[in-house]
Amino acid sequence: MSLTHQFFFGIYPYIAMVVFLLGSLVRFDRDQYTWRSESSQMLSTGMLRAGSNLFHLGIIGLFFGHFFGMLTPANLVHALGISAGQKQMLAVVAGGILGVVGLVGLLLLIARRLGNERVRATSKPRDFLVLFWILGTLLLGLSTVPLSLAHRDGETMLKLMAWAQHIVTFRGDAASLIADVSLVFKVHMVAGMTLFIIFPFTRLVHVWSGFASVGYVARPWQLVRSRRTGLPR
C-alpha cells in the first residue's frame, strides 16, 4: 500500500471533515450575510425550476443513499435477509436512477448559467467550480455502474462499507481495506471528499439552513390577537 493511498483514504477524510465543519462554523460566525444560496431566480426563471428540482432530488437521494448504505453494518443487512450481492444491485439501480436525474438537472443548470447573459454576468468563479466539480463527481459515480454490474458478488460493496465504518470509528486500518478497489471508485471517493472541503467557501453552505428549517413545519401555530377585541384573528 503506497503512501499516496494511505494519505487519501486514511488521512484525507479527516482533513475534509475538519475543513467542512470548522469552515462552515467560521463562515457563519464571521460572514453571515453571504450565508445563502445566492439565487438568480429574479434574473431569469428559464430552466431554473426544472433543473433545480431534478438536481436537488437526485443529489439529496444520492447523499442519503450513500450515508445509510455505507454506514449500515453488514451484519444488520444480512440479518434482514439481504445478501451483499442484492444490496449492491439495489445500490446500482437506485444510485443509477438518482444519478441520471441529478445529472439532467445539473446540465440544465449549467446550460442556464452559461447560456443566459444576465446570469453569467453575475456568476462568480466559485459558482462554476461547484457546478463542474459536482458534474465530475456525478460522472465518476455513474462510471462505476458498469464495474458493479460486472462483479455482482458484492465484495466491492462490502469493502467500501467497511472502509467508511472504520473511518467514522477512527480505526487506523481503513485505507488498507480498499487497497485493491478499482481506481474509478477511488477517484470518485476523492472527488466526493473534496466537495466537503470546498463546501464552506461556496453557496453550498445554504444546505445547513435547509436542515435547520426542517423543524419549521412542526412549529406551534402563532396566535395573533386583535388589539380591539382581544380575539384571535
C-alpha atoms as a PDB file:
ATOM      1  CA  MET A   1       0.000   0.000   0.000  1.00  0.00           C
ATOM      2  CA  SER A   2       1.521   3.321  -1.111  1.00  0.00           C
ATOM      3  CA  LEU A   3       1.849   6.472   0.961  1.00  0.00           C
ATOM      4  CA  THR A   4      -0.419   8.267  -1.520  1.00  0.00           C
ATOM      5  CA  HIS A   5      -3.166   5.696  -0.979  1.00  0.00           C
ATOM      6  CA  GLN A   6      -2.713   5.909   2.794  1.00  0.00           C
ATOM      7  CA  PHE A   7      -2.988   9.697   2.672  1.00  0.00           C
ATOM      8  CA  PHE A   8      -6.112   9.890   0.517  1.00  0.00           C
ATOM      9  CA  PHE A   9      -8.021   7.104   2.236  1.00  0.00           C
ATOM     10  CA  GLY A  10      -6.600   7.178   5.749  1.00  0.00           C
ATOM     11  CA  ILE A  11      -5.914  10.866   6.426  1.00  0.00           C
ATOM     12  CA  TYR A  12      -7.706  12.949   3.785  1.00  0.00           C
ATOM     13  CA  PRO A  13     -11.227  12.011   5.014  1.00  0.00           C
ATOM     14  CA  TYR A  14     -10.453  13.616   8.384  1.00  0.00           C
ATOM     15  CA  ILE A  15      -8.987  16.720   6.742  1.00  0.00           C
ATOM     16  CA  ALA A  16     -12.173  17.029   4.675  1.00  0.00           C
ATOM     17  CA  MET A  17     -14.415  16.683   7.729  1.00  0.00           C
ATOM     18  CA  VAL A  18     -12.442  19.232   9.774  1.00  0.00           C
ATOM     19  CA  VAL A  19     -12.495  21.806   6.962  1.00  0.00           C
ATOM     20  CA  PHE A  20     -16.185  21.086   6.320  1.00  0.00           C
ATOM     21  CA  LEU A  21     -17.281  21.561   9.936  1.00  0.00           C
ATOM     22  CA  LEU A  22     -14.824  24.219  11.101  1.00  0.00           C
ATOM     23  CA  GLY A  23     -15.033  26.163   7.829  1.00  0.00           C
ATOM     24  CA  SER A  24     -18.833  26.230   7.989  1.00  0.00           C
ATOM     25  CA  LEU A  25     -18.756  27.414  11.604  1.00  0.00           C
ATOM     26  CA  VAL A  26     -16.225  30.185  10.892  1.00  0.00           C
ATOM     27  CA  ARG A  27     -18.155  31.404   7.853  1.00  0.00           C
ATOM     28  CA  PHE A  28     -21.420  31.512   9.801  1.00  0.00           C
ATOM     29  CA  ASP A  29     -19.728  33.384  12.633  1.00  0.00           C
ATOM     30  CA  ARG A  30     -17.855  35.926  10.526  1.00  0.00           C
ATOM     31  CA  ASP A  31     -19.744  36.287   7.264  1.00  0.00           C
ATOM     32  CA  GLN A  32     -23.443  35.616   7.830  1.00  0.00           C
ATOM     33  CA  TYR A  33     -24.558  37.953   5.031  1.00  0.00           C
ATOM     34  CA  THR A  34     -23.092  35.509   2.486  1.00  0.00           C
ATOM     35  CA  TRP A  35     -24.832  32.517   4.104  1.00  0.00           C
ATOM     36  CA  ARG A  36     -27.384  31.976   1.361  1.00  0.00           C
ATOM     37  CA  SER A  37     -27.990  30.141  -1.885  1.00  0.00           C
ATOM     38  CA  GLU A  38     -27.394  33.319  -3.935  1.00  0.00           C
ATOM     39  CA  SER A  39     -30.419  32.533  -6.079  1.00  0.00           C
ATOM     40  CA  SER A  40     -30.534  34.047  -9.571  1.00  0.00           C
ATOM     41  CA  GLN A  41     -34.265  33.439  -9.989  1.00  0.00           C
ATOM     42  CA  MET A  42     -35.003  37.160 -10.206  1.00  0.00           C
ATOM     43  CA  LEU A  43     -32.685  37.452 -13.204  1.00  0.00           C
ATOM     44  CA  SER A  44     -34.154  34.604 -15.174  1.00  0.00           C
ATOM     45  CA  THR A  45     -36.503  31.746 -14.393  1.00  0.00           C
ATOM     46  CA  GLY A  46     -35.953  29.825 -17.611  1.00  0.00           C
ATOM     47  CA  MET A  47     -34.775  26.276 -16.915  1.00  0.00           C
ATOM     48  CA  LEU A  48     -34.258  27.015 -13.225  1.00  0.00           C
ATOM     49  CA  ARG A  49     -37.354  25.281 -11.864  1.00  0.00           C
ATOM     50  CA  ALA A  50     -36.924  22.020 -13.770  1.00  0.00           C
ATOM     51  CA  GLY A  51     -33.151  21.971 -13.372  1.00  0.00           C
ATOM     52  CA  SER A  52     -33.195  22.816  -9.679  1.00  0.00           C
ATOM     53  CA  ASN A  53     -35.921  20.301  -8.816  1.00  0.00           C
ATOM     54  CA  LEU A  54     -34.252  17.450 -10.704  1.00  0.00           C
ATOM     55  CA  PHE A  55     -30.818  18.322  -9.354  1.00  0.00           C
ATOM     56  CA  HIS A  56     -31.923  18.520  -5.731  1.00  0.00           C
ATOM     57  CA  LEU A  57     -33.985  15.340  -5.999  1.00  0.00           C
ATOM     58  CA  GLY A  58     -31.028  13.416  -7.389  1.00  0.00           C
ATOM     59  CA  ILE A  59     -28.351  14.860  -5.110  1.00  0.00           C
ATOM     60  CA  ILE A  60     -30.348  14.561  -1.876  1.00  0.00           C
ATOM     61  CA  GLY A  61     -31.280  10.990  -2.748  1.00  0.00           C
ATOM     62  CA  LEU A  62     -27.655  10.124  -3.511  1.00  0.00           C
ATOM     63  CA  PHE A  63     -26.419  11.721  -0.300  1.00  0.00           C
ATOM     64  CA  PHE A  64     -28.744   9.784   1.962  1.00  0.00           C
ATOM     65  CA  GLY A  65     -28.289   6.638  -0.112  1.00  0.00           C
ATOM     66  CA  HIS A  66     -24.510   6.838   0.350  1.00  0.00           C
ATOM     67  CA  PHE A  67     -24.850   7.780   4.014  1.00  0.00           C
ATOM     68  CA  PHE A  68     -27.109   4.946   5.087  1.00  0.00           C
ATOM     69  CA  GLY A  69     -25.788   2.471   2.543  1.00  0.00           C
ATOM     70  CA  MET A  70     -22.156   2.866   3.595  1.00  0.00           C
ATOM     71  CA  LEU A  71     -22.677   3.156   7.336  1.00  0.00           C
ATOM     72  CA  THR A  72     -25.233   0.380   7.852  1.00  0.00           C
ATOM     73  CA  PRO A  73     -23.376  -2.578   9.412  1.00  0.00           C
ATOM     74  CA  ALA A  74     -23.104  -5.596   7.104  1.00  0.00           C
ATOM     75  CA  ASN A  75     -24.394  -7.866   9.869  1.00  0.00           C
ATOM     76  CA  LEU A  76     -27.607  -5.864  10.067  1.00  0.00           C
ATOM     77  CA  VAL A  77     -28.068  -6.095   6.306  1.00  0.00           C
ATOM     78  CA  HIS A  78     -27.557  -9.864   6.419  1.00  0.00           C
ATOM     79  CA  ALA A  79     -29.954 -10.166   9.373  1.00  0.00           C
ATOM     80  CA  LEU A  80     -32.642  -8.586   7.192  1.00  0.00           C
ATOM     81  CA  GLY A  81     -32.141 -11.368   4.671  1.00  0.00           C
ATOM     82  CA  ILE A  82     -30.339  -9.204   2.119  1.00  0.00           C
ATOM     83  CA  SER A  83     -27.152 -10.608   0.637  1.00  0.00           C
ATOM     84  CA  ALA A  84     -24.150  -8.479  -0.302  1.00  0.00           C
ATOM     85  CA  GLY A  85     -24.886  -9.030  -3.992  1.00  0.00           C
ATOM     86  CA  GLN A  86     -28.507  -7.958  -3.597  1.00  0.00           C
ATOM     87  CA  LYS A  87     -27.504  -4.846  -1.683  1.00  0.00           C
ATOM     88  CA  GLN A  88     -25.001  -3.970  -4.382  1.00  0.00           C
ATOM     89  CA  MET A  89     -27.632  -4.353  -7.106  1.00  0.00           C
ATOM     90  CA  LEU A  90     -30.036  -2.189  -5.119  1.00  0.00           C
ATOM     91  CA  ALA A  91     -27.343   0.456  -4.802  1.00  0.00           C
ATOM     92  CA  VAL A  92     -26.555   0.258  -8.515  1.00  0.00           C
ATOM     93  CA  VAL A  93     -30.186   0.582  -9.626  1.00  0.00           C
ATOM     94  CA  ALA A  94     -31.200   3.294  -7.128  1.00  0.00           C
ATOM     95  CA  GLY A  95     -27.899   5.153  -7.458  1.00  0.00           C
ATOM     96  CA  GLY A  96     -28.010   4.946 -11.248  1.00  0.00           C
ATOM     97  CA  ILE A  97     -31.531   6.365 -11.444  1.00  0.00           C
ATOM     98  CA  LEU A  98     -30.852   9.140  -8.939  1.00  0.00           C
ATOM     99  CA  GLY A  99     -27.520   9.875 -10.599  1.00  0.00           C
ATOM    100  CA  VAL A 100     -29.137  10.328 -14.007  1.00  0.00           C
ATOM    101  CA  VAL A 101     -31.899  12.514 -12.525  1.00  0.00           C
ATOM    102  CA  GLY A 102     -29.312  14.681 -10.771  1.00  0.00           C
ATOM    103  CA  LEU A 103     -27.149  14.821 -13.893  1.00  0.00           C
ATOM    104  CA  VAL A 104     -30.013  16.010 -16.109  1.00  0.00           C
ATOM    105  CA  GLY A 105     -30.895  18.711 -13.576  1.00  0.00           C
ATOM    106  CA  LEU A 106     -27.261  19.777 -13.249  1.00  0.00           C
ATOM    107  CA  LEU A 107     -26.774  20.017 -17.009  1.00  0.00           C
ATOM    108  CA  LEU A 108     -29.862  22.234 -17.224  1.00  0.00           C
ATOM    109  CA  LEU A 109     -28.456  24.493 -14.502  1.00  0.00           C
ATOM    110  CA  ILE A 110     -25.054  24.664 -16.210  1.00  0.00           C
ATOM    111  CA  ALA A 111     -26.658  25.436 -19.587  1.00  0.00           C
ATOM    112  CA  ARG A 112     -28.713  28.189 -17.970  1.00  0.00           C
ATOM    113  CA  ARG A 113     -25.736  29.727 -16.174  1.00  0.00           C
ATOM    114  CA  LEU A 114     -23.554  29.657 -19.275  1.00  0.00           C
ATOM    115  CA  GLY A 115     -26.234  30.496 -21.819  1.00  0.00           C
ATOM    116  CA  ASN A 116     -28.065  33.305 -20.052  1.00  0.00           C
ATOM    117  CA  GLU A 117     -26.149  36.550 -20.331  1.00  0.00           C
ATOM    118  CA  ARG A 118     -27.532  38.128 -17.159  1.00  0.00           C
ATOM    119  CA  VAL A 119     -26.992  35.029 -15.027  1.00  0.00           C
ATOM    120  CA  ARG A 120     -23.489  34.509 -16.408  1.00  0.00           C
ATOM    121  CA  ALA A 121     -22.547  38.138 -15.711  1.00  0.00           C
ATOM    122  CA  THR A 122     -23.463  37.827 -12.022  1.00  0.00           C
ATOM    123  CA  SER A 123     -21.820  34.420 -11.548  1.00  0.00           C
ATOM    124  CA  LYS A 124     -18.638  34.058  -9.533  1.00  0.00           C
ATOM    125  CA  PRO A 125     -15.776  31.650 -10.272  1.00  0.00           C
ATOM    126  CA  ARG A 126     -16.760  29.601  -7.229  1.00  0.00           C
ATOM    127  CA  ASP A 127     -20.242  29.086  -8.750  1.00  0.00           C
ATOM    128  CA  PHE A 128     -18.713  27.389 -11.769  1.00  0.00           C
ATOM    129  CA  LEU A 129     -16.285  25.475  -9.538  1.00  0.00           C
ATOM    130  CA  VAL A 130     -19.192  23.949  -7.620  1.00  0.00           C
ATOM    131  CA  LEU A 131     -21.206  23.093 -10.714  1.00  0.00           C
ATOM    132  CA  PHE A 132     -18.371  21.463 -12.625  1.00  0.00           C
ATOM    133  CA  TRP A 133     -16.927  19.710  -9.579  1.00  0.00           C
ATOM    134  CA  ILE A 134     -20.304  18.128  -8.850  1.00  0.00           C
ATOM    135  CA  LEU A 135     -20.602  17.270 -12.555  1.00  0.00           C
ATOM    136  CA  GLY A 136     -17.263  15.459 -12.495  1.00  0.00           C
ATOM    137  CA  THR A 137     -18.150  13.645  -9.266  1.00  0.00           C
ATOM    138  CA  LEU A 138     -21.515  12.561 -10.680  1.00  0.00           C
ATOM    139  CA  LEU A 139     -19.972  11.284 -13.914  1.00  0.00           C
ATOM    140  CA  LEU A 140     -17.355   9.336 -11.962  1.00  0.00           C
ATOM    141  CA  GLY A 141     -20.082   7.827  -9.810  1.00  0.00           C
ATOM    142  CA  LEU A 142     -22.110   6.784 -12.844  1.00  0.00           C
ATOM    143  CA  SER A 143     -18.992   5.293 -14.434  1.00  0.00           C
ATOM    144  CA  THR A 144     -18.758   2.826 -11.545  1.00  0.00           C
ATOM    145  CA  VAL A 145     -22.110   1.292 -12.513  1.00  0.00           C
ATOM    146  CA  PRO A 146     -20.691  -0.963 -15.291  1.00  0.00           C
ATOM    147  CA  LEU A 147     -17.958  -2.151 -12.910  1.00  0.00           C
ATOM    148  CA  SER A 148     -20.524  -3.015 -10.256  1.00  0.00           C
ATOM    149  CA  LEU A 149     -22.676  -4.871 -12.793  1.00  0.00           C
ATOM    150  CA  ALA A 150     -19.662  -6.887 -13.920  1.00  0.00           C
ATOM    151  CA  HIS A 151     -18.966  -8.048 -10.349  1.00  0.00           C
ATOM    152  CA  ARG A 152     -22.280  -8.837  -8.672  1.00  0.00           C
ATOM    153  CA  ASP A 153     -20.908 -10.742  -5.697  1.00  0.00           C
ATOM    154  CA  GLY A 154     -20.976  -7.599  -3.562  1.00  0.00           C
ATOM    155  CA  GLU A 155     -17.346  -7.859  -2.467  1.00  0.00           C
ATOM    156  CA  THR A 156     -16.534  -4.311  -3.558  1.00  0.00           C
ATOM    157  CA  MET A 157     -19.600  -3.015  -1.736  1.00  0.00           C
ATOM    158  CA  LEU A 158     -18.534  -4.768   1.470  1.00  0.00           C
ATOM    159  CA  LYS A 159     -15.036  -3.312   1.230  1.00  0.00           C
ATOM    160  CA  LEU A 160     -16.339   0.223   0.736  1.00  0.00           C
ATOM    161  CA  MET A 161     -18.783  -0.186   3.621  1.00  0.00           C
ATOM    162  CA  ALA A 162     -16.011  -1.471   5.892  1.00  0.00           C
ATOM    163  CA  TRP A 163     -13.785   1.448   4.887  1.00  0.00           C
ATOM    164  CA  ALA A 164     -16.465   4.057   5.682  1.00  0.00           C
ATOM    165  CA  GLN A 165     -17.301   2.434   9.008  1.00  0.00           C
ATOM    166  CA  HIS A 166     -13.639   2.209  10.016  1.00  0.00           C
ATOM    167  CA  ILE A 167     -13.183   5.887   9.123  1.00  0.00           C
ATOM    168  CA  VAL A 168     -16.077   7.107  11.281  1.00  0.00           C
ATOM    169  CA  THR A 169     -14.942   4.921  14.173  1.00  0.00           C
ATOM    170  CA  PHE A 170     -11.364   6.235  13.880  1.00  0.00           C
ATOM    171  CA  ARG A 171      -9.700   2.903  13.160  1.00  0.00           C
ATOM    172  CA  GLY A 172      -6.302   3.284  11.542  1.00  0.00           C
ATOM    173  CA  ASP A 173      -6.560   0.344   9.145  1.00  0.00           C
ATOM    174  CA  ALA A 174      -9.300   1.877   6.957  1.00  0.00           C
ATOM    175  CA  ALA A 175      -7.097   2.597   3.933  1.00  0.00           C
ATOM    176  CA  SER A 176      -5.832  -0.981   3.723  1.00  0.00           C
ATOM    177  CA  LEU A 177      -9.390  -2.304   3.302  1.00  0.00           C
ATOM    178  CA  ILE A 178      -9.776  -0.797  -0.181  1.00  0.00           C
ATOM    179  CA  ALA A 179      -6.216  -1.118  -1.462  1.00  0.00           C
ATOM    180  CA  ASP A 180      -7.319  -3.343  -4.361  1.00  0.00           C
ATOM    181  CA  VAL A 181     -10.539  -1.492  -5.251  1.00  0.00           C
ATOM    182  CA  SER A 182     -10.762  -0.166  -8.826  1.00  0.00           C
ATOM    183  CA  LEU A 183      -9.187   3.239  -9.474  1.00  0.00           C
ATOM    184  CA  VAL A 184     -12.534   4.632 -10.716  1.00  0.00           C
ATOM    185  CA  PHE A 185     -14.082   4.090  -7.286  1.00  0.00           C
ATOM    186  CA  LYS A 186     -11.080   5.722  -5.606  1.00  0.00           C
ATOM    187  CA  VAL A 187     -11.115   8.833  -7.809  1.00  0.00           C
ATOM    188  CA  HIS A 188     -14.866   9.160  -7.261  1.00  0.00           C
ATOM    189  CA  MET A 189     -14.324   8.942  -3.492  1.00  0.00           C
ATOM    190  CA  VAL A 190     -11.578  11.570  -3.509  1.00  0.00           C
ATOM    191  CA  ALA A 191     -13.756  13.895  -5.622  1.00  0.00           C
ATOM    192  CA  GLY A 192     -16.620  13.413  -3.176  1.00  0.00           C
ATOM    193  CA  MET A 193     -14.429  14.141  -0.158  1.00  0.00           C
ATOM    194  CA  THR A 194     -13.012  17.234  -1.858  1.00  0.00           C
ATOM    195  CA  LEU A 195     -16.561  18.505  -2.298  1.00  0.00           C
ATOM    196  CA  PHE A 196     -16.782  18.689   1.504  1.00  0.00           C
ATOM    197  CA  ILE A 197     -13.606  20.815   1.512  1.00  0.00           C
ATOM    198  CA  ILE A 198     -14.939  23.421  -0.926  1.00  0.00           C
ATOM    199  CA  PHE A 199     -18.398  23.343   0.715  1.00  0.00           C
ATOM    200  CA  PRO A 200     -17.823  26.121   3.331  1.00  0.00           C
ATOM    201  CA  PHE A 201     -16.453  28.558   0.753  1.00  0.00           C
ATOM    202  CA  THR A 202     -19.320  28.385  -1.725  1.00  0.00           C
ATOM    203  CA  ARG A 203     -23.098  28.752  -1.927  1.00  0.00           C
ATOM    204  CA  LEU A 204     -23.384  25.121  -0.789  1.00  0.00           C
ATOM    205  CA  VAL A 205     -23.492  26.352   2.824  1.00  0.00           C
ATOM    206  CA  HIS A 206     -27.211  27.014   2.356  1.00  0.00           C
ATOM    207  CA  VAL A 207     -27.657  23.245   2.766  1.00  0.00           C
ATOM    208  CA  TRP A 208     -27.142  23.751   6.517  1.00  0.00           C
ATOM    209  CA  SER A 209     -30.067  26.168   6.562  1.00  0.00           C
ATOM    210  CA  GLY A 210     -32.194  23.590   4.786  1.00  0.00           C
ATOM    211  CA  PHE A 211     -31.531  21.031   7.523  1.00  0.00           C
ATOM    212  CA  ALA A 212     -32.116  23.640  10.234  1.00  0.00           C
ATOM    213  CA  SER A 213     -35.510  24.601   8.781  1.00  0.00           C
ATOM    214  CA  VAL A 214     -36.914  21.053   8.875  1.00  0.00           C
ATOM    215  CA  GLY A 215     -38.408  21.789  12.297  1.00  0.00           C
ATOM    216  CA  TYR A 216     -40.226  24.814  10.874  1.00  0.00           C
ATOM    217  CA  VAL A 217     -43.050  22.654   9.531  1.00  0.00           C
ATOM    218  CA  ALA A 218     -43.707  21.238  13.003  1.00  0.00           C
ATOM    219  CA  ARG A 219     -43.640  24.595  14.781  1.00  0.00           C
ATOM    220  CA  PRO A 220     -46.574  25.633  17.022  1.00  0.00           C
ATOM    221  CA  TRP A 221     -49.139  27.898  15.422  1.00  0.00           C
ATOM    222  CA  GLN A 222     -48.538  31.579  16.044  1.00  0.00           C
ATOM    223  CA  LEU A 223     -51.593  33.145  17.710  1.00  0.00           C
ATOM    224  CA  VAL A 224     -52.196  36.774  16.750  1.00  0.00           C
ATOM    225  CA  ARG A 225     -54.842  38.673  18.727  1.00  0.00           C
ATOM    226  CA  SER A 226     -56.668  41.804  17.698  1.00  0.00           C
ATOM    227  CA  ARG A 227     -55.899  44.865  19.854  1.00  0.00           C
ATOM    228  CA  ARG A 228     -59.545  45.915  19.883  1.00  0.00           C
ATOM    229  CA  THR A 229     -61.312  42.642  20.589  1.00  0.00           C
ATOM    230  CA  GLY A 230     -58.560  40.506  22.056  1.00  0.00           C
ATOM    231  CA  LEU A 231     -59.842  37.628  19.924  1.00  0.00           C
ATOM    232  CA  PRO A 232     -57.633  35.508  17.660  1.00  0.00           C
ATOM    233  CA  ARG A 233     -57.661  36.503  14.033  1.00  0.00           C
END
